[in-house]
Amino acid sequence: MIRENQRLFNMMNVVIDALIVLFAVSIVNSSIFTKYTHLFFNHDYLSQLVLYIFLIPSYILFYYIFGLYTPQRTNRSIFSESSKILRVIVVEFIFMSVLLLLNVIRVDAYYIVSILLVTFVLAAVERSLLRLTLRKFRQEGFNIKYVLIIGAGEVGARLADTISVNSYLGYKIMGFLDDNVTGEINNVKVIGKITDIEKILARNLVDRVIVSISPRHYNVLGQIIESCEKMGVRADIVPDYYQYVSSNFNVELIDDIPLISVRNLPLDITFNRYIKRIFDVVFVIVVSIIISPLLILVAMGVKLTSPGPVIYKQERVGENGRVFMIYKFRSMTIENEYVDDQKWTQKNDPRVTNFGKFIRRTSIDELPQFYNILKGDMSLIGPRPERPYFVRKFRESVPKYMIKHHVRPGMAGWAQINGYRGNTSIVERIKYDIFYVENWSIWLDIKIFLRTIPMLLFDQNAY
């Protein structure tokens, strides 16, 4: 029944997605769009028809390829599909650009861009509202999936608790099967032995069997899966070592042998790396041109207020532990700048010049790192890079410290906008860095960027 509902739901989604594209086209063709954007497009019927013939099927196909027609029940955020929709829009733009170059479709390029941008906004809002609505339905007892848990041990009990707390999942646990435990576990009854599985699946409506047995009982795993497949019920396994695996892990195949990555690294995906890199380079080039007078004035300020070079460089540890030179406007007196390489700057640090206090307080001293971004040493957003001495020190004393080095370091980071800048807790800071590494998205970068701007003026930890 659930599978039939899922097929019907997917068909409905395909129709809605096609209608969204048509709606986006009608918006772009409307007088209101022309009024607010000053863009006017006028194409004949045949050109418009050819556009529809290529645009809508390819859009649906890319949705399918990017997994937007797969169940999203277990995703925590209602906005979880927005990043996938953005990828679809980017790929669709590339595809339509090729068709334009080949003269297959004959419309204005700005027309395509406008349609895709409006489509993205409509689609992101539609999917978010859809997920929100489904969650409300499930919390009211509709669209429920019935779950049978095999194994009432520690992992099974925790799984039952998690399902109970997260009512948006729409799962109802009908009971445990366990050979060694009887009674109730966290208000869920043990309704039989593992050998009873076929009998229970035959007598009850079960949508999903989740196996949470310990490794010492893996000798019955084959029998459980065979029984589920025989009765046509989906089987899932909670690995006993799940606590070592991140929430968004990846599975790769070496021939037919699966490898489960302990950490999910979105920036290991080539597409994501290209998107982030393009954003970095375009942003740095454009902003560097705009602020070039400021850069010249700051350089003059550094040179005129204390003897020494304008630019200060120092070794930092970057992606994959590679050491690189980071560049800053010099903010300290030259005789001290390079001596205390194993000491963090303190509040009212005597090494900092008067002009240096100003450029450090406003983070203007960091602007030469635009050059590091263009070189590929750094990104605009990412965990802040640290000096080799501190990396060696924290690698031994701070758990998981080196995980931050799976990505390019950044000028601004998730930890910094949450108050962990300067001489603050390394342990807490690394938690935010790991969150960023495992949950990167272009939206997270934009969020960090927007929250960094006011911090440049009001951050009390900048000195």
Protein backbone atom coordinates (compact mmCIF):
# COMPACT_ATOMS: atom_id res chain seq x y z
CA MET A 1 0.00 0.00 0.00
CA ILE A 2 2.79 2.42 0.95
CA ARG A 3 4.66 1.65 -2.29
CA GLU A 4 1.47 2.31 -4.29
CA ASN A 5 1.02 5.58 -2.42
CA GLN A 6 4.65 6.51 -3.11
CA ARG A 7 4.19 5.89 -6.84
CA LEU A 8 1.04 8.02 -6.84
CA PHE A 9 2.82 10.70 -4.83
CA ASN A 10 5.75 10.73 -7.29
CA MET A 11 3.37 11.05 -10.25
CA MET A 12 1.70 13.97 -8.51
CA ASN A 13 5.12 15.54 -7.92
CA VAL A 14 6.03 15.21 -11.61
CA VAL A 15 2.81 16.97 -12.62
CA ILE A 16 3.35 19.73 -10.03
CA ASP A 17 6.97 20.23 -11.14
CA ALA A 18 5.89 20.57 -14.78
CA LEU A 19 3.19 23.05 -13.74
CA ILE A 20 5.76 25.06 -11.78
CA VAL A 21 7.89 25.45 -14.91
CA LEU A 22 4.83 26.57 -16.87
CA PHE A 23 3.88 28.96 -14.07
CA ALA A 24 7.43 30.37 -14.03
CA VAL A 25 7.22 30.96 -17.80
CA SER A 26 3.87 32.73 -17.40
CA ILE A 27 5.36 34.96 -14.66
CA VAL A 28 8.32 35.90 -16.86
CA ASN A 29 5.92 36.65 -19.73
CA SER A 30 3.69 38.81 -17.52
CA SER A 31 3.51 42.58 -17.51
CA ILE A 32 4.23 42.62 -13.76
CA PHE A 33 7.60 40.92 -14.34
CA THR A 34 8.40 43.47 -17.06
CA LYS A 35 7.36 46.33 -14.79
CA TYR A 36 9.71 45.34 -11.92
CA THR A 37 12.65 43.98 -13.91
CA HIS A 38 12.43 46.12 -17.08
CA LEU A 39 12.93 42.92 -19.07
CA PHE A 40 10.57 42.35 -21.96
CA PHE A 41 10.51 39.18 -24.04
CA ASN A 42 8.47 38.55 -27.14
CA HIS A 43 8.74 35.18 -28.85
CA ASP A 44 6.55 33.57 -31.48
CA TYR A 45 4.39 30.53 -30.74
CA LEU A 46 6.75 28.04 -32.45
CA SER A 47 9.82 29.21 -30.52
CA GLN A 48 7.87 28.99 -27.26
CA LEU A 49 6.61 25.50 -28.13
CA VAL A 50 10.13 24.23 -28.94
CA LEU A 51 11.33 25.68 -25.64
CA TYR A 52 8.62 23.77 -23.74
CA ILE A 53 9.47 20.52 -25.56
CA PHE A 54 13.07 20.63 -24.32
CA LEU A 55 12.69 22.49 -21.04
CA ILE A 56 10.01 20.51 -19.22
CA PRO A 57 11.15 16.92 -19.96
CA SER A 58 14.80 17.75 -19.21
CA TYR A 59 13.78 19.50 -15.98
CA ILE A 60 11.84 16.41 -14.86
CA LEU A 61 14.73 14.15 -15.92
CA PHE A 62 17.27 16.16 -13.89
CA TYR A 63 14.91 16.04 -10.90
CA TYR A 64 14.97 12.26 -11.19
CA ILE A 65 18.75 12.11 -11.61
CA PHE A 66 19.33 14.29 -8.55
CA GLY A 67 17.05 12.13 -6.38
CA LEU A 68 14.18 14.58 -6.00
CA TYR A 69 11.61 11.81 -6.54
CA THR A 70 12.96 9.59 -3.76
CA PRO A 71 11.32 9.51 -0.29
CA GLN A 72 12.48 12.35 1.97
CA ARG A 73 10.69 11.23 5.14
CA THR A 74 13.81 11.01 7.31
CA ASN A 75 15.28 14.38 6.34
CA ARG A 76 15.27 16.72 9.32
CA SER A 77 14.97 20.02 7.47
CA ILE A 78 12.02 20.94 5.28
CA PHE A 79 14.53 22.90 3.16
CA SER A 80 16.73 19.85 2.56
CA GLU A 81 15.78 19.65 -1.13
CA SER A 82 16.63 23.28 -1.95
CA SER A 83 20.31 22.56 -2.61
CA LYS A 84 19.38 19.70 -4.97
CA ILE A 85 16.92 21.97 -6.80
CA LEU A 86 19.71 24.53 -7.22
CA ARG A 87 21.89 21.84 -8.79
CA VAL A 88 19.08 20.96 -11.17
CA ILE A 89 18.77 24.63 -12.14
CA VAL A 90 22.52 24.92 -12.80
CA VAL A 91 22.60 21.75 -14.93
CA GLU A 92 19.42 22.84 -16.74
CA PHE A 93 21.06 26.19 -17.51
CA ILE A 94 24.09 24.44 -18.99
CA PHE A 95 21.85 22.16 -21.04
CA MET A 96 19.73 25.04 -22.37
CA SER A 97 22.89 27.05 -23.14
CA VAL A 98 24.11 24.22 -25.35
CA LEU A 99 20.75 24.17 -27.15
CA LEU A 100 21.00 27.93 -27.64
CA LEU A 101 24.51 27.65 -29.07
CA LEU A 102 23.34 24.93 -31.44
CA ASN A 103 20.42 27.14 -32.44
CA VAL A 104 17.99 24.37 -31.50
CA ILE A 105 15.94 26.78 -29.42
CA ARG A 106 15.60 30.39 -30.53
CA VAL A 107 14.85 32.54 -27.53
CA ASP A 108 16.73 35.20 -25.60
CA ALA A 109 19.36 33.85 -23.17
CA TYR A 110 18.08 36.26 -20.51
CA TYR A 111 14.66 34.69 -21.02
CA ILE A 112 16.09 31.27 -20.05
CA VAL A 113 17.91 32.71 -17.04
CA SER A 114 14.77 34.51 -15.86
CA ILE A 115 12.64 31.38 -16.19
CA LEU A 116 15.16 29.24 -14.31
CA LEU A 117 15.54 31.75 -11.46
CA VAL A 118 11.78 32.06 -11.01
CA THR A 119 11.44 28.29 -11.28
CA PHE A 120 14.02 27.81 -8.54
CA VAL A 121 12.22 30.12 -6.13
CA LEU A 122 8.82 28.54 -6.83
CA ALA A 123 10.16 24.98 -6.64
CA ALA A 124 12.08 25.56 -3.39
CA VAL A 125 9.01 27.09 -1.75
CA GLU A 126 6.71 24.37 -3.11
CA ARG A 127 8.90 21.49 -1.85
CA SER A 128 9.35 23.13 1.56
CA LEU A 129 5.59 23.65 1.97
CA LEU A 130 4.97 20.09 0.77
CA ARG A 131 7.37 18.66 3.38
CA LEU A 132 5.86 20.83 6.08
CA THR A 133 2.35 19.68 5.15
CA LEU A 134 3.35 16.01 5.14
CA ARG A 135 4.91 16.39 8.56
CA LYS A 136 1.72 17.91 9.94
CA PHE A 137 -0.31 15.04 8.46
CA ARG A 138 2.00 12.45 10.00
CA GLN A 139 1.90 14.13 13.40
CA GLU A 140 -1.91 13.94 13.17
CA GLY A 141 -1.73 10.19 12.52
CA PHE A 142 -2.02 10.12 8.72
CA ASN A 143 0.44 8.56 6.24
CA ILE A 144 1.83 6.31 8.98
CA LYS A 145 4.38 3.55 8.40
CA TYR A 146 4.38 0.55 10.73
CA VAL A 147 7.80 -0.58 11.89
CA LEU A 148 8.94 -3.85 13.44
CA ILE A 149 12.29 -3.74 15.26
CA ILE A 150 14.43 -6.90 15.45
CA GLY A 151 16.61 -6.72 18.55
CA ALA A 152 15.60 -5.08 21.85
CA GLY A 153 19.13 -4.37 23.06
CA GLU A 154 20.78 -1.00 23.56
CA VAL A 155 20.71 -0.06 19.86
CA GLY A 156 17.08 -1.16 19.45
CA ALA A 157 15.97 0.75 22.55
CA ARG A 158 17.69 3.89 21.37
CA LEU A 159 16.12 3.51 17.94
CA ALA A 160 12.66 3.21 19.52
CA ASP A 161 13.29 6.32 21.60
CA THR A 162 14.45 8.29 18.56
CA ILE A 163 11.40 7.29 16.52
CA SER A 164 9.09 8.16 19.41
CA VAL A 165 10.61 11.63 19.89
CA ASN A 166 10.61 12.51 16.16
CA SER A 167 6.90 12.23 15.41
CA TYR A 168 7.38 13.99 12.06
CA LEU A 169 8.79 10.71 10.73
CA GLY A 170 5.34 9.16 10.83
CA TYR A 171 6.61 5.79 12.11
CA LYS A 172 4.61 3.66 14.52
CA ILE A 173 6.53 0.85 16.23
CA MET A 174 4.38 -2.25 16.48
CA GLY A 175 6.90 -4.12 18.67
CA PHE A 176 10.26 -5.80 19.15
CA LEU A 177 11.36 -9.30 18.25
CA ASP A 178 14.13 -10.62 20.48
CA ASP A 179 15.29 -14.06 21.62
CA ASN A 180 16.64 -12.91 25.00
CA VAL A 181 14.42 -10.02 26.13
CA THR A 182 10.77 -10.11 27.21
CA GLY A 183 8.24 -7.55 28.48
CA GLU A 184 8.48 -3.90 27.46
CA ILE A 185 11.38 -1.73 26.39
CA ASN A 186 10.69 2.01 26.56
CA ASN A 187 6.90 1.36 26.43
CA VAL A 188 7.25 -0.87 23.36
CA LYS A 189 6.32 -4.54 23.78
CA VAL A 190 8.52 -7.48 22.83
CA ILE A 191 5.96 -9.40 20.80
CA GLY A 192 7.91 -12.53 19.95
CA LYS A 193 11.14 -14.34 19.09
CA ILE A 194 13.19 -13.69 15.97
CA THR A 195 12.00 -17.02 14.58
CA ASP A 196 8.43 -15.66 14.72
CA ILE A 197 9.17 -13.03 12.07
CA GLU A 198 7.35 -14.68 9.14
CA LYS A 199 4.30 -15.44 11.26
CA ILE A 200 4.13 -11.83 12.52
CA LEU A 201 4.67 -10.33 9.06
CA ALA A 202 1.89 -12.54 7.69
CA ARG A 203 -0.61 -11.51 10.39
CA ASN A 204 0.15 -7.80 10.62
CA LEU A 205 0.55 -4.78 8.37
CA VAL A 206 4.29 -4.03 8.50
CA ASP A 207 5.89 -1.49 6.15
CA ARG A 208 9.43 -1.72 7.38
CA VAL A 209 11.58 -4.10 9.42
CA ILE A 210 14.60 -2.53 11.10
CA VAL A 211 17.30 -4.94 12.30
CA SER A 212 19.25 -3.73 15.35
CA ILE A 213 20.82 -6.97 16.60
CA SER A 214 24.35 -7.06 18.00
CA PRO A 215 27.23 -8.55 15.93
CA ARG A 216 27.23 -11.77 17.99
CA HIS A 217 23.78 -12.55 16.60
CA TYR A 218 24.68 -11.86 12.97
CA ASN A 219 24.36 -15.60 12.25
CA VAL A 220 20.57 -15.05 12.05
CA LEU A 221 20.84 -11.90 9.89
CA GLY A 222 20.58 -13.84 6.64
CA GLN A 223 17.48 -15.63 7.88
CA ILE A 224 15.82 -12.31 8.86
CA ILE A 225 16.49 -10.68 5.50
CA GLU A 226 15.36 -13.79 3.64
CA SER A 227 12.10 -13.80 5.62
CA CYS A 228 11.49 -10.08 4.91
CA GLU A 229 12.09 -10.52 1.19
CA LYS A 230 9.87 -13.60 1.15
CA MET A 231 7.05 -11.59 2.77
CA GLY A 232 7.66 -8.53 0.57
CA VAL A 233 8.63 -6.19 3.41
CA ARG A 234 11.51 -3.71 3.23
CA ALA A 235 14.39 -4.53 5.60
CA ASP A 236 16.91 -2.01 6.97
CA ILE A 237 19.91 -2.58 9.23
CA VAL A 238 21.22 -0.33 12.01
CA PRO A 239 24.94 -1.17 12.14
CA ASP A 240 26.24 -1.74 15.65
CA TYR A 241 29.06 0.71 14.92
CA TYR A 242 26.66 3.50 13.91
CA GLN A 243 28.01 5.80 16.64
CA TYR A 244 31.23 6.09 14.64
CA VAL A 245 29.42 7.13 11.47
CA SER A 246 28.15 10.66 10.82
CA SER A 247 24.46 11.32 10.21
CA ASN A 248 24.95 11.94 6.46
CA PHE A 249 27.35 9.22 5.48
CA ASN A 250 28.29 8.11 1.99
CA VAL A 251 28.43 4.60 0.61
CA GLU A 252 30.85 3.78 -2.21
CA LEU A 253 31.31 0.53 -4.04
CA ILE A 254 34.58 -1.18 -4.87
CA ASP A 255 33.23 -3.65 -7.38
CA ASP A 256 30.41 -5.15 -5.28
CA ILE A 257 31.93 -4.41 -1.86
CA PRO A 258 30.30 -1.39 -0.11
CA LEU A 259 32.45 1.11 1.76
CA ILE A 260 30.75 3.30 4.36
CA SER A 261 32.51 6.62 4.82
CA VAL A 262 32.76 7.54 8.48
CA ARG A 263 32.32 11.23 7.62
CA ASN A 264 30.01 12.81 5.10
CA LEU A 265 31.99 15.39 3.17
CA PRO A 266 29.77 17.32 0.72
CA LEU A 267 32.84 19.12 -0.62
CA ASP A 268 34.28 15.79 -1.77
CA ILE A 269 31.65 15.94 -4.52
CA THR A 270 33.22 17.51 -7.60
CA PHE A 271 30.11 19.50 -8.49
CA ASN A 272 30.02 21.11 -5.03
CA ARG A 273 33.73 21.94 -5.15
CA TYR A 274 33.33 23.64 -8.54
CA ILE A 275 30.32 25.66 -7.36
CA LYS A 276 32.20 26.86 -4.27
CA ARG A 277 35.37 27.60 -6.25
CA ILE A 278 33.53 29.58 -8.93
CA PHE A 279 31.74 31.59 -6.23
CA ASP A 280 35.07 32.31 -4.48
CA VAL A 281 36.90 33.45 -7.60
CA VAL A 282 34.08 35.61 -8.98
CA PHE A 283 33.46 37.20 -5.57
CA VAL A 284 37.13 37.98 -4.94
CA ILE A 285 37.72 39.48 -8.39
CA VAL A 286 34.63 41.70 -8.26
CA VAL A 287 35.11 42.84 -4.64
CA SER A 288 38.86 43.41 -5.09
CA ILE A 289 38.12 45.83 -7.93
CA ILE A 290 35.48 47.64 -5.87
CA ILE A 291 37.59 48.01 -2.73
CA SER A 292 40.92 48.63 -4.44
CA PRO A 293 41.04 52.28 -3.20
CA LEU A 294 40.58 51.01 0.37
CA LEU A 295 43.38 48.47 -0.08
CA ILE A 296 45.71 51.25 -1.27
CA LEU A 297 44.81 53.50 1.68
CA VAL A 298 45.34 50.68 4.20
CA ALA A 299 48.69 49.82 2.63
CA MET A 300 49.74 53.46 2.96
CA GLY A 301 48.49 53.51 6.57
CA VAL A 302 50.56 50.46 7.49
CA LYS A 303 53.68 51.84 5.81
CA LEU A 304 53.42 55.33 7.30
CA THR A 305 52.60 54.34 10.91
CA SER A 306 55.38 51.81 11.58
CA PRO A 307 58.57 50.64 9.87
CA GLY A 308 58.51 47.35 8.01
CA PRO A 309 56.74 45.65 5.13
CA VAL A 310 53.08 46.30 4.33
CA ILE A 311 52.21 42.63 3.98
CA TYR A 312 52.80 40.08 6.71
CA LYS A 313 52.98 36.40 5.87
CA GLN A 314 52.90 33.40 8.12
CA GLU A 315 52.71 29.62 7.77
CA ARG A 316 49.28 28.08 8.21
CA VAL A 317 47.93 24.55 7.80
CA GLY A 318 45.36 24.16 5.05
CA GLU A 319 43.39 21.45 3.27
CA ASN A 320 44.72 17.92 3.83
CA GLY A 321 47.35 19.29 6.21
CA ARG A 322 49.22 21.19 3.48
CA VAL A 323 51.23 24.14 4.83
CA PHE A 324 50.85 27.43 2.97
CA MET A 325 51.69 31.09 3.48
CA ILE A 326 48.79 33.24 4.62
CA TYR A 327 48.90 36.96 3.81
CA LYS A 328 47.69 39.86 5.95
CA PHE A 329 48.22 43.56 6.31
CA ARG A 330 50.93 43.90 8.97
CA SER A 331 49.40 44.99 12.27
CA MET A 332 52.33 44.48 14.66
CA THR A 333 55.74 46.02 15.07
CA ILE A 334 58.27 44.27 12.88
CA GLU A 335 60.61 43.29 15.70
CA ASN A 336 57.89 41.26 17.43
CA GLU A 337 55.81 40.02 14.55
CA TYR A 338 57.86 36.95 13.73
CA VAL A 339 59.21 36.10 17.18
CA ASP A 340 56.13 34.96 19.08
CA ASP A 341 54.84 32.54 16.50
CA GLN A 342 53.68 30.21 19.26
CA LYS A 343 51.56 32.79 21.06
CA TRP A 344 48.07 34.04 20.30
CA THR A 345 47.32 37.73 20.21
CA GLN A 346 45.87 38.91 23.52
CA LYS A 347 43.61 41.81 24.35
CA ASN A 348 45.67 45.02 24.57
CA ASP A 349 48.61 43.08 23.12
CA PRO A 350 51.65 45.45 23.20
CA ARG A 351 52.91 44.03 19.90
CA VAL A 352 49.97 45.54 17.97
CA THR A 353 50.47 49.03 16.54
CA ASN A 354 47.82 51.74 16.91
CA PHE A 355 46.89 51.47 13.23
CA GLY A 356 47.06 47.68 13.60
CA LYS A 357 44.40 47.81 16.33
CA PHE A 358 42.03 49.51 13.90
CA ILE A 359 42.54 47.11 10.99
CA ARG A 360 42.40 44.06 13.30
CA ARG A 361 39.27 45.33 15.02
CA THR A 362 37.53 45.70 11.63
CA SER A 363 39.22 42.60 10.12
CA ILE A 364 40.59 44.76 7.30
CA ASP A 365 43.98 43.17 7.99
CA GLU A 366 42.57 39.90 6.57
CA LEU A 367 41.79 41.33 3.10
CA PRO A 368 45.12 40.25 1.49
CA GLN A 369 43.80 36.71 1.92
CA PHE A 370 41.87 37.37 -1.27
CA TYR A 371 45.19 36.47 -2.90
CA ASN A 372 45.20 33.17 -0.96
CA ILE A 373 41.70 32.49 -2.31
CA LEU A 374 42.74 33.16 -5.92
CA LYS A 375 45.76 30.85 -5.44
CA GLY A 376 43.46 28.12 -4.14
CA ASP A 377 44.98 28.00 -0.65
CA MET A 378 41.77 29.22 0.96
CA SER A 379 38.08 29.78 0.41
CA LEU A 380 35.94 32.76 1.33
CA ILE A 381 34.07 30.61 3.86
CA GLY A 382 35.58 27.75 5.85
CA PRO A 383 37.27 26.83 9.13
CA ARG A 384 39.98 29.33 10.02
CA PRO A 385 43.51 28.01 9.37
CA GLU A 386 45.89 27.64 12.28
CA ARG A 387 49.64 27.81 12.66
CA PRO A 388 51.57 24.49 12.40
CA TYR A 389 52.67 24.73 16.05
CA PHE A 390 49.06 24.87 17.27
CA VAL A 391 47.92 22.17 14.84
CA ARG A 392 50.55 19.80 16.22
CA LYS A 393 49.50 20.73 19.75
CA PHE A 394 45.73 20.42 19.25
CA ARG A 395 45.99 17.28 17.15
CA GLU A 396 47.06 15.43 20.29
CA SER A 397 44.84 17.18 22.83
CA VAL A 398 41.59 18.06 21.02
CA PRO A 399 39.48 15.11 19.76
CA LYS A 400 38.70 15.19 16.02
CA TYR A 401 40.72 18.40 15.56
CA MET A 402 42.13 17.35 12.17
CA ILE A 403 38.69 16.84 10.57
CA LYS A 404 38.54 20.56 9.76
CA HIS A 405 41.45 20.04 7.35
CA HIS A 406 39.26 17.98 4.99
CA VAL A 407 38.21 21.28 3.36
CA ARG A 408 39.92 24.51 2.32
CA PRO A 409 40.28 26.95 5.23
CA GLY A 410 38.32 30.19 4.98
CA MET A 411 38.42 33.89 5.79
CA ALA A 412 35.18 33.50 7.78
CA GLY A 413 33.81 30.40 9.45
CA TRP A 414 30.78 28.90 11.17
CA ALA A 415 32.67 28.85 14.49
CA GLN A 416 33.59 32.55 14.24
CA ILE A 417 30.03 33.78 13.65
CA ASN A 418 28.98 31.74 16.69
CA GLY A 419 31.42 33.61 18.92
CA TYR A 420 34.46 31.35 18.75
CA ARG A 421 37.14 33.70 17.50
CA GLY A 422 40.52 34.62 18.95
CA ASN A 423 41.40 33.23 22.35
CA THR A 424 38.23 31.13 22.85
CA SER A 425 37.60 27.44 23.56
CA ILE A 426 39.26 25.23 20.93
CA VAL A 427 37.09 22.26 21.88
CA GLU A 428 33.88 24.20 21.25
CA ARG A 429 35.30 25.83 18.14
CA ILE A 430 36.15 22.49 16.56
CA LYS A 431 32.56 21.29 17.06
CA TYR A 432 31.35 24.13 14.84
CA ASP A 433 34.10 23.48 12.30
CA ILE A 434 33.11 19.80 12.06
CA PHE A 435 29.45 20.78 11.65
CA TYR A 436 30.46 23.00 8.74
CA VAL A 437 32.59 20.30 7.11
CA GLU A 438 29.80 17.71 7.33
CA ASN A 439 26.88 19.99 6.47
CA TRP A 440 28.32 22.29 3.83
CA SER A 441 25.90 23.79 1.34
CA ILE A 442 25.95 26.97 -0.69
CA TRP A 443 23.16 28.22 1.61
CA LEU A 444 25.30 27.67 4.68
CA ASP A 445 28.09 29.69 3.04
CA ILE A 446 25.67 32.52 2.23
CA LYS A 447 24.33 32.44 5.80
CA ILE A 448 27.84 32.65 7.26
CA PHE A 449 28.77 35.45 4.88
CA LEU A 450 25.70 37.54 5.77
CA ARG A 451 26.23 37.04 9.51
CA THR A 452 29.94 37.86 9.24
CA ILE A 453 29.35 41.40 7.96
CA PRO A 454 27.86 42.84 11.22
CA MET A 455 30.44 40.92 13.25
CA LEU A 456 33.22 42.84 11.54
CA LEU A 457 31.99 45.93 13.39
CA PHE A 458 30.74 44.55 16.70
CA ASP A 459 32.81 41.42 17.50
CA GLN A 460 34.26 41.74 20.99
CA ASN A 461 36.75 38.91 20.39
CA ALA A 462 38.52 40.79 17.58
CA TYR A 463 41.65 42.50 18.91
